[in-house]
C-alpha atoms as a PDB file:
ATOM      1  CA  MET A   1     106.363 100.365  99.839  1.00  0.00           C
ATOM      2  CA  GLY A   2     103.659  98.415 102.252  1.00  0.00           C
ATOM      3  CA  ASN A   3     105.374  95.173 102.127  1.00  0.00           C
ATOM      4  CA  SER A   4     103.711  92.440 104.316  1.00  0.00           C
ATOM      5  CA  PHE A   5     106.755  90.264 103.953  1.00  0.00           C
ATOM      6  CA  CYS A   6     110.509  91.422 103.377  1.00  0.00           C
ATOM      7  CA  ARG A   7     112.904  88.564 102.133  1.00  0.00           C
ATOM      8  CA  LEU A   8     115.978  90.555 103.194  1.00  0.00           C
ATOM      9  CA  CYS A   9     115.083  91.018 106.887  1.00  0.00           C
ATOM     10  CA  GLN A  10     111.879  88.906 107.778  1.00  0.00           C
ATOM     11  CA  LYS A  11     113.126  85.119 107.192  1.00  0.00           C
ATOM     12  CA  ASP A  12     114.129  84.599 110.533  1.00  0.00           C
ATOM     13  CA  GLU A  13     115.476  86.519 113.922  1.00  0.00           C
ATOM     14  CA  LYS A  14     119.051  86.323 112.741  1.00  0.00           C
ATOM     15  CA  GLN A  15     118.455  87.858 109.521  1.00  0.00           C
ATOM     16  CA  LEU A  16     116.124  90.641 111.207  1.00  0.00           C
ATOM     17  CA  ILE A  17     119.192  91.465 113.834  1.00  0.00           C
ATOM     18  CA  SER A  18     121.781  91.793 111.013  1.00  0.00           C
ATOM     19  CA  GLU A  19     119.509  93.915 108.794  1.00  0.00           C
ATOM     20  CA  LEU A  20     118.677  96.266 111.595  1.00  0.00           C
ATOM     21  CA  ALA A  21     122.327  97.172 112.462  1.00  0.00           C
ATOM     22  CA  ILE A  22     123.012  97.576 108.824  1.00  0.00           C
ATOM     23  CA  CYS A  23     120.319  99.892 108.381  1.00  0.00           C
ATOM     24  CA  SER A  24     121.197 101.672 111.349  1.00  0.00           C
ATOM     25  CA  LYS A  25     124.619 102.361 110.307  1.00  0.00           C
ATOM     26  CA  GLY A  26     123.406 103.244 106.751  1.00  0.00           C
ATOM     27  CA  ILE A  27     120.823 105.988 108.462  1.00  0.00           C
ATOM     28  CA  SER A  28     123.690 107.477 110.445  1.00  0.00           C
ATOM     29  CA  ALA A  29     126.050 107.543 107.232  1.00  0.00           C
ATOM     30  CA  LYS A  30     123.733 109.504 105.553  1.00  0.00           C
ATOM     31  CA  GLY A  31     123.733 112.149 108.215  1.00  0.00           C
ATOM     32  CA  LEU A  32     120.391 111.171 110.179  1.00  0.00           C
ATOM     33  CA  SER A  33     121.992 110.520 113.505  1.00  0.00           C
ATOM     34  CA  PHE A  34     120.252 108.920 116.480  1.00  0.00           C
ATOM     35  CA  ALA A  35     118.057 111.417 118.347  1.00  0.00           C
ATOM     36  CA  ASN A  36     118.797 111.930 122.035  1.00  0.00           C
ATOM     37  CA  GLY A  37     117.490 108.738 123.963  1.00  0.00           C
ATOM     38  CA  SER A  38     116.191 107.077 120.932  1.00  0.00           C
ATOM     39  CA  VAL A  39     116.301 103.718 119.390  1.00  0.00           C
ATOM     40  CA  GLN A  40     115.628 101.975 116.098  1.00  0.00           C
ATOM     41  CA  SER A  41     113.452  98.668 116.294  1.00  0.00           C
ATOM     42  CA  ALA A  42     112.349  95.866 114.431  1.00  0.00           C
ATOM     43  CA  ARG A  43     110.028  92.624 114.818  1.00  0.00           C
ATOM     44  CA  LEU A  44     109.208  89.708 112.732  1.00  0.00           C
ATOM     45  CA  PRO A  45     105.410  90.436 111.828  1.00  0.00           C
ATOM     46  CA  GLY A  46     103.240  89.484 114.428  1.00  0.00           C
ATOM     47  CA  SER A  47     105.747  88.756 117.232  1.00  0.00           C
ATOM     48  CA  THR A  48     105.577  90.547 120.474  1.00  0.00           C
ATOM     49  CA  GLY A  49     109.341  90.481 120.569  1.00  0.00           C
ATOM     50  CA  ILE A  50     111.122  93.595 119.262  1.00  0.00           C
ATOM     51  CA  TRP A  51     115.005  93.987 118.536  1.00  0.00           C
ATOM     52  CA  THR A  52     116.190  97.374 119.495  1.00  0.00           C
ATOM     53  CA  LEU A  53     119.538  99.262 118.812  1.00  0.00           C
ATOM     54  CA  SER A  54     120.506 102.495 120.239  1.00  0.00           C
ATOM     55  CA  ARG A  55     123.441 104.676 119.913  1.00  0.00           C
ATOM     56  CA  ASN A  56     125.452 103.153 122.409  1.00  0.00           C
ATOM     57  CA  ASP A  57     124.702  99.687 121.815  1.00  0.00           C
ATOM     58  CA  ALA A  58     127.276  97.367 119.921  1.00  0.00           C
ATOM     59  CA  LYS A  59     124.664  94.971 118.961  1.00  0.00           C
ATOM     60  CA  PRO A  60     120.720  94.831 118.916  1.00  0.00           C
ATOM     61  CA  SER A  61     118.856  93.976 122.126  1.00  0.00           C
ATOM     62  CA  PHE A  62     115.766  91.957 122.704  1.00  0.00           C
ATOM     63  CA  ILE A  63     112.659  92.838 124.416  1.00  0.00           C
ATOM     64  CA  ASP A  64     109.415  91.321 124.864  1.00  0.00           C
ATOM     65  CA  ILE A  65     106.673  94.240 124.636  1.00  0.00           C
ATOM     66  CA  SER A  66     104.214  91.686 126.275  1.00  0.00           C
ATOM     67  CA  ASN A  67     106.196  91.648 129.576  1.00  0.00           C
ATOM     68  CA  PRO A  68     105.661  94.897 131.753  1.00  0.00           C
ATOM     69  CA  SER A  69     108.464  94.379 133.723  1.00  0.00           C
ATOM     70  CA  GLN A  70     110.932  94.661 130.899  1.00  0.00           C
ATOM     71  CA  LEU A  71     109.340  97.736 129.331  1.00  0.00           C
ATOM     72  CA  SER A  72     109.373  99.372 132.852  1.00  0.00           C
ATOM     73  CA  GLU A  73     113.256  98.833 133.060  1.00  0.00           C
ATOM     74  CA  SER A  74     113.833 100.243 129.358  1.00  0.00           C
ATOM     75  CA  ILE A  75     114.493 103.752 128.353  1.00  0.00           C
ATOM     76  CA  PRO A  76     111.067 105.850 127.483  1.00  0.00           C
ATOM     77  CA  ASP A  77     111.667 105.469 123.707  1.00  0.00           C
ATOM     78  CA  ILE A  78     111.400 102.047 124.006  1.00  0.00           C
ATOM     79  CA  SER A  79     107.853 102.303 125.670  1.00  0.00           C
ATOM     80  CA  ILE A  80     106.831 104.557 122.653  1.00  0.00           C
ATOM     81  CA  HIS A  81     107.632 101.994 120.070  1.00  0.00           C
ATOM     82  CA  ALA A  82     105.709  99.160 122.102  1.00  0.00           C
ATOM     83  CA  ALA A  83     102.673 101.329 122.246  1.00  0.00           C
ATOM     84  CA  ILE A  84     102.879 101.846 118.508  1.00  0.00           C
ATOM     85  CA  TYR A  85     103.456  98.170 117.523  1.00  0.00           C
ATOM     86  CA  ARG A  86     100.575  97.340 119.943  1.00  0.00           C
ATOM     87  CA  GLN A  87      98.249  99.638 118.094  1.00  0.00           C
ATOM     88  CA  ARG A  88      99.502  99.251 114.471  1.00  0.00           C
ATOM     89  CA  PRO A  89     100.022  95.580 113.457  1.00  0.00           C
ATOM     90  CA  ASP A  90     100.862  96.823 109.870  1.00  0.00           C
ATOM     91  CA  ILE A  91     104.110  98.268 111.588  1.00  0.00           C
ATOM     92  CA  ASN A  92     107.187  95.893 112.073  1.00  0.00           C
ATOM     93  CA  ALA A  93     109.919  98.347 112.154  1.00  0.00           C
ATOM     94  CA  ILE A  94     110.555 101.985 113.592  1.00  0.00           C
ATOM     95  CA  CYS A  95     113.255 104.381 113.022  1.00  0.00           C
ATOM     96  CA  HIS A  96     113.568 107.256 115.224  1.00  0.00           C
ATOM     97  CA  THR A  97     116.338 109.879 113.622  1.00  0.00           C
ATOM     98  CA  ARG A  98     117.562 113.094 114.273  1.00  0.00           C
ATOM     99  CA  ASN A  99     116.946 114.692 110.535  1.00  0.00           C
ATOM    100  CA  PRO A 100     118.498 118.368 110.458  1.00  0.00           C
ATOM    101  CA  TYR A 101     116.623 119.706 107.650  1.00  0.00           C
ATOM    102  CA  THR A 102     113.211 118.408 108.772  1.00  0.00           C
ATOM    103  CA  ILE A 103     113.534 119.698 112.237  1.00  0.00           C
ATOM    104  CA  CYS A 104     114.625 123.117 110.769  1.00  0.00           C
ATOM    105  CA  ALA A 105     111.696 122.865 107.973  1.00  0.00           C
ATOM    106  CA  ALA A 106     109.168 121.900 110.693  1.00  0.00           C
ATOM    107  CA  ALA A 107     109.898 124.469 113.258  1.00  0.00           C
ATOM    108  CA  GLY A 108     106.898 126.582 111.879  1.00  0.00           C
ATOM    109  CA  GLY A 109     104.528 123.575 111.371  1.00  0.00           C
ATOM    110  CA  SER A 110     103.520 121.064 108.900  1.00  0.00           C
ATOM    111  CA  LEU A 111     105.666 120.675 105.910  1.00  0.00           C
ATOM    112  CA  GLU A 112     104.103 122.144 102.763  1.00  0.00           C
ATOM    113  CA  LYS A 113     103.797 119.876  99.838  1.00  0.00           C
ATOM    114  CA  VAL A 114     106.435 120.767  97.487  1.00  0.00           C
ATOM    115  CA  HIS A 115     107.627 117.668  96.595  1.00  0.00           C
ATOM    116  CA  GLY A 116     105.108 115.519  94.624  1.00  0.00           C
ATOM    117  CA  GLU A 117     106.652 112.175  94.863  1.00  0.00           C
ATOM    118  CA  ALA A 118     107.661 112.343  98.447  1.00  0.00           C
ATOM    119  CA  ALA A 119     104.284 113.663  99.301  1.00  0.00           C
ATOM    120  CA  LEU A 120     102.513 110.620  97.438  1.00  0.00           C
ATOM    121  CA  ILE A 121     104.606 108.150  99.104  1.00  0.00           C
ATOM    122  CA  LEU A 122     104.531 109.573 102.697  1.00  0.00           C
ATOM    123  CA  GLY A 123     101.002 111.191 102.742  1.00  0.00           C
ATOM    124  CA  ASP A 124      99.847 113.087 105.903  1.00  0.00           C
ATOM    125  CA  ILE A 125     102.907 113.921 108.265  1.00  0.00           C
ATOM    126  CA  PRO A 126     101.725 115.164 111.792  1.00  0.00           C
ATOM    127  CA  VAL A 127     103.900 117.182 113.782  1.00  0.00           C
ATOM    128  CA  ILE A 128     103.609 116.391 117.431  1.00  0.00           C
ATOM    129  CA  ASP A 129     105.272 116.846 120.767  1.00  0.00           C
ATOM    130  CA  TYR A 130     107.635 114.326 121.793  1.00  0.00           C
ATOM    131  CA  ASN A 131     105.661 113.226 124.871  1.00  0.00           C
ATOM    132  CA  LEU A 132     103.684 110.751 123.042  1.00  0.00           C
ATOM    133  CA  THR A 133     100.782 109.801 125.561  1.00  0.00           C
ATOM    134  CA  GLY A 134      97.259 109.821 125.239  1.00  0.00           C
ATOM    135  CA  PRO A 135      95.816 111.495 122.049  1.00  0.00           C
ATOM    136  CA  TYR A 136      99.234 111.632 120.295  1.00  0.00           C
ATOM    137  CA  LEU A 137      99.371 107.727 120.472  1.00  0.00           C
ATOM    138  CA  GLU A 138      95.665 107.581 119.237  1.00  0.00           C
ATOM    139  CA  LEU A 139      96.748 109.702 116.339  1.00  0.00           C
ATOM    140  CA  ILE A 140      99.635 107.593 115.330  1.00  0.00           C
ATOM    141  CA  SER A 141      97.540 104.374 115.553  1.00  0.00           C
ATOM    142  CA  LYS A 142      94.967 105.433 113.191  1.00  0.00           C
ATOM    143  CA  ALA A 143      95.258 104.583 109.589  1.00  0.00           C
ATOM    144  CA  SER A 144      95.071 107.986 108.420  1.00  0.00           C
ATOM    145  CA  ILE A 145      94.239 111.685 109.446  1.00  0.00           C
ATOM    146  CA  GLY A 146      92.594 114.259 107.445  1.00  0.00           C
ATOM    147  CA  GLU A 147      92.220 113.629 103.853  1.00  0.00           C
ATOM    148  CA  PRO A 148      95.679 111.696 103.126  1.00  0.00           C
ATOM    149  CA  LEU A 149      96.789 109.687 100.285  1.00  0.00           C
ATOM    150  CA  ARG A 150      98.567 107.153 102.392  1.00  0.00           C
ATOM    151  CA  PRO A 151      98.252 105.852 106.042  1.00  0.00           C
ATOM    152  CA  ILE A 152     100.522 107.475 108.721  1.00  0.00           C
ATOM    153  CA  ARG A 153     104.014 106.568 107.932  1.00  0.00           C
ATOM    154  CA  THR A 154     106.088 109.300 109.303  1.00  0.00           C
ATOM    155  CA  VAL A 155     105.708 111.564 112.352  1.00  0.00           C
ATOM    156  CA  ILE A 156     107.797 114.830 112.972  1.00  0.00           C
ATOM    157  CA  LEU A 157     108.529 115.116 116.788  1.00  0.00           C
ATOM    158  CA  ALA A 158     108.922 118.836 117.355  1.00  0.00           C
ATOM    159  CA  GLY A 159     112.718 119.613 118.152  1.00  0.00           C
ATOM    160  CA  ASN A 160     113.508 115.962 118.569  1.00  0.00           C
ATOM    161  CA  GLY A 161     113.525 114.079 115.270  1.00  0.00           C
ATOM    162  CA  VAL A 162     111.291 111.945 113.089  1.00  0.00           C
ATOM    163  CA  LEU A 163     109.752 108.690 113.373  1.00  0.00           C
ATOM    164  CA  GLY A 164     109.648 106.430 110.129  1.00  0.00           C
ATOM    165  CA  LEU A 165     107.030 103.708 110.660  1.00  0.00           C
ATOM    166  CA  GLY A 166     107.523 100.836 108.126  1.00  0.00           C
ATOM    167  CA  ALA A 167     106.361  97.337 107.200  1.00  0.00           C
ATOM    168  CA  CYS A 168     110.103  96.336 107.576  1.00  0.00           C
ATOM    169  CA  ILE A 169     113.420  97.961 108.663  1.00  0.00           C
ATOM    170  CA  HIS A 170     114.153  99.079 105.059  1.00  0.00           C
ATOM    171  CA  GLU A 171     110.840 100.571 104.524  1.00  0.00           C
ATOM    172  CA  ALA A 172     111.082 102.665 107.813  1.00  0.00           C
ATOM    173  CA  ARG A 173     114.597 103.744 106.786  1.00  0.00           C
ATOM    174  CA  ALA A 174     113.293 104.787 103.360  1.00  0.00           C
ATOM    175  CA  PHE A 175     110.582 106.630 104.785  1.00  0.00           C
ATOM    176  CA  VAL A 176     112.962 108.815 107.023  1.00  0.00           C
ATOM    177  CA  GLU A 177     115.488 109.425 104.096  1.00  0.00           C
ATOM    178  CA  ILE A 178     112.558 110.446 101.818  1.00  0.00           C
ATOM    179  CA  LEU A 179     111.056 112.780 104.414  1.00  0.00           C
ATOM    180  CA  GLU A 180     114.731 114.519 104.588  1.00  0.00           C
ATOM    181  CA  GLU A 181     114.607 115.125 100.880  1.00  0.00           C
ATOM    182  CA  TRP A 182     111.184 116.680 101.067  1.00  0.00           C
ATOM    183  CA  ALA A 183     112.521 118.891 104.117  1.00  0.00           C
ATOM    184  CA  MET A 184     115.484 120.048 101.758  1.00  0.00           C
ATOM    185  CA  PHE A 185     113.024 121.211  99.068  1.00  0.00           C
ATOM    186  CA  LYS A 186     111.391 123.250 101.575  1.00  0.00           C
ATOM    187  CA  ILE A 187     114.507 124.909 103.210  1.00  0.00           C
ATOM    188  CA  PHE A 188     115.896 125.894  99.588  1.00  0.00           C
ATOM    189  CA  SER A 189     112.572 127.562  98.703  1.00  0.00           C
ATOM    190  CA  LYS A 190     112.931 129.416 102.051  1.00  0.00           C
ATOM    191  CA  ILE A 191     116.395 130.266 101.206  1.00  0.00           C
ATOM    192  CA  HIS A 192     115.203 131.875  98.111  1.00  0.00           C
ATOM    193  CA  GLY A 193     112.479 134.111  99.843  1.00  0.00           C
ATOM    194  CA  LYS A 194     109.365 132.180  99.714  1.00  0.00           C
ATOM    195  CA  THR A 195     107.703 128.464  99.095  1.00  0.00           C
ATOM    196  CA  VAL A 196     106.572 128.557  95.411  1.00  0.00           C
ATOM    197  CA  ASN A 197     104.392 125.792  93.687  1.00  0.00           C
ATOM    198  CA  VAL A 198     102.930 124.262  96.575  1.00  0.00           C
ATOM    199  CA  LEU A 199     100.958 121.043  95.360  1.00  0.00           C
ATOM    200  CA  THR A 200      97.304 121.038  95.793  1.00  0.00           C
ATOM    201  CA  LEU A 201      95.410 117.743  96.781  1.00  0.00           C
ATOM    202  CA  GLU A 202      94.033 117.588  93.153  1.00  0.00           C
ATOM    203  CA  GLN A 203      97.585 117.842  91.746  1.00  0.00           C
ATOM    204  CA  LEU A 204      98.502 115.280  93.874  1.00  0.00           C
ATOM    205  CA  ARG A 205      95.813 112.873  92.906  1.00  0.00           C
ATOM    206  CA  SER A 206      96.755 113.638  89.075  1.00  0.00           C
ATOM    207  CA  LEU A 207     100.214 112.725  89.741  1.00  0.00           C
ATOM    208  CA  GLY A 208      99.203 109.667  91.688  1.00  0.00           C
ATOM    209  CA  SER A 209      96.977 108.482  89.158  1.00  0.00           C
ATOM    210  CA  ARG A 210     100.115 108.972  86.380  1.00  0.00           C
ATOM    211  CA  TYR A 211     102.391 107.013  88.879  1.00  0.00           C
ATOM    212  CA  ALA A 212      99.802 104.070  88.920  1.00  0.00           C
ATOM    213  CA  ARG A 213      99.135 104.107  85.338  1.00  0.00           C
ATOM    214  CA  SER A 214     102.962 104.171  84.606  1.00  0.00           C
ATOM    215  CA  ILE A 215     103.461 101.202  86.935  1.00  0.00           C
ATOM    216  CA  LYS A 216     100.423  99.292  85.335  1.00  0.00           C
ATOM    217  CA  PHE A 217     100.806  99.997  81.844  1.00  0.00           C
ATOM    218  CA  GLY A 218     104.409 101.074  81.447  1.00  0.00           C
ATOM    219  CA  GLY A 219     103.501 104.707  80.960  1.00  0.00           C
ATOM    220  CA  ARG A 220     101.062 103.684  78.387  1.00  0.00           C
ATOM    221  CA  GLN A 221      97.467 104.883  78.537  1.00  0.00           C
ATOM    222  CA  SER A 222      94.938 102.132  79.183  1.00  0.00           C
ATOM    223  CA  ALA A 223      92.817 100.643  76.335  1.00  0.00           C
END
């Protein structure tokens, strides 16, 4: 997570185009379809050129986000992607998907932290209107909001879908899939009456320190 370079998709433009198409098909196969008027997009790190793929495209299309005339002729979703890329140099891919469980689970507001691993990976997840202008874009451009464990990596667009913001297309895809798993936990708890075992910030920090220790010391306590 948080790759600055992905060997699978960021060696050259040809590889990027191929992986964008493969990941978009994989997302749809998981039941996370394209939202209405949405695109998936990716770029090479630092580039002003992005490759986009919509539901009706047979192959990705290229747009230079530094060219106002190209953006004015594109669908609104591409302009939103362009604005995020300009304000978040750490973001090199955006997946805009229609996650059925997430949309349902977020109907009443933010997701409760009922899935520890997902919450550790995704951090704070703002729920905002689809009209991403003004303060909304400022929100997404920030490194974080509130007291999160991670930068903003996913955004729930009320009634429209979700945005996964990744350092590469594989990371963006992983984020929307992890978010949907988190939402499933929330839906299942509602089916059984109420949400139980909502994790506190202190519990998440404890889990996070254990994950870090497991990665660094193979599960052993430090000396």
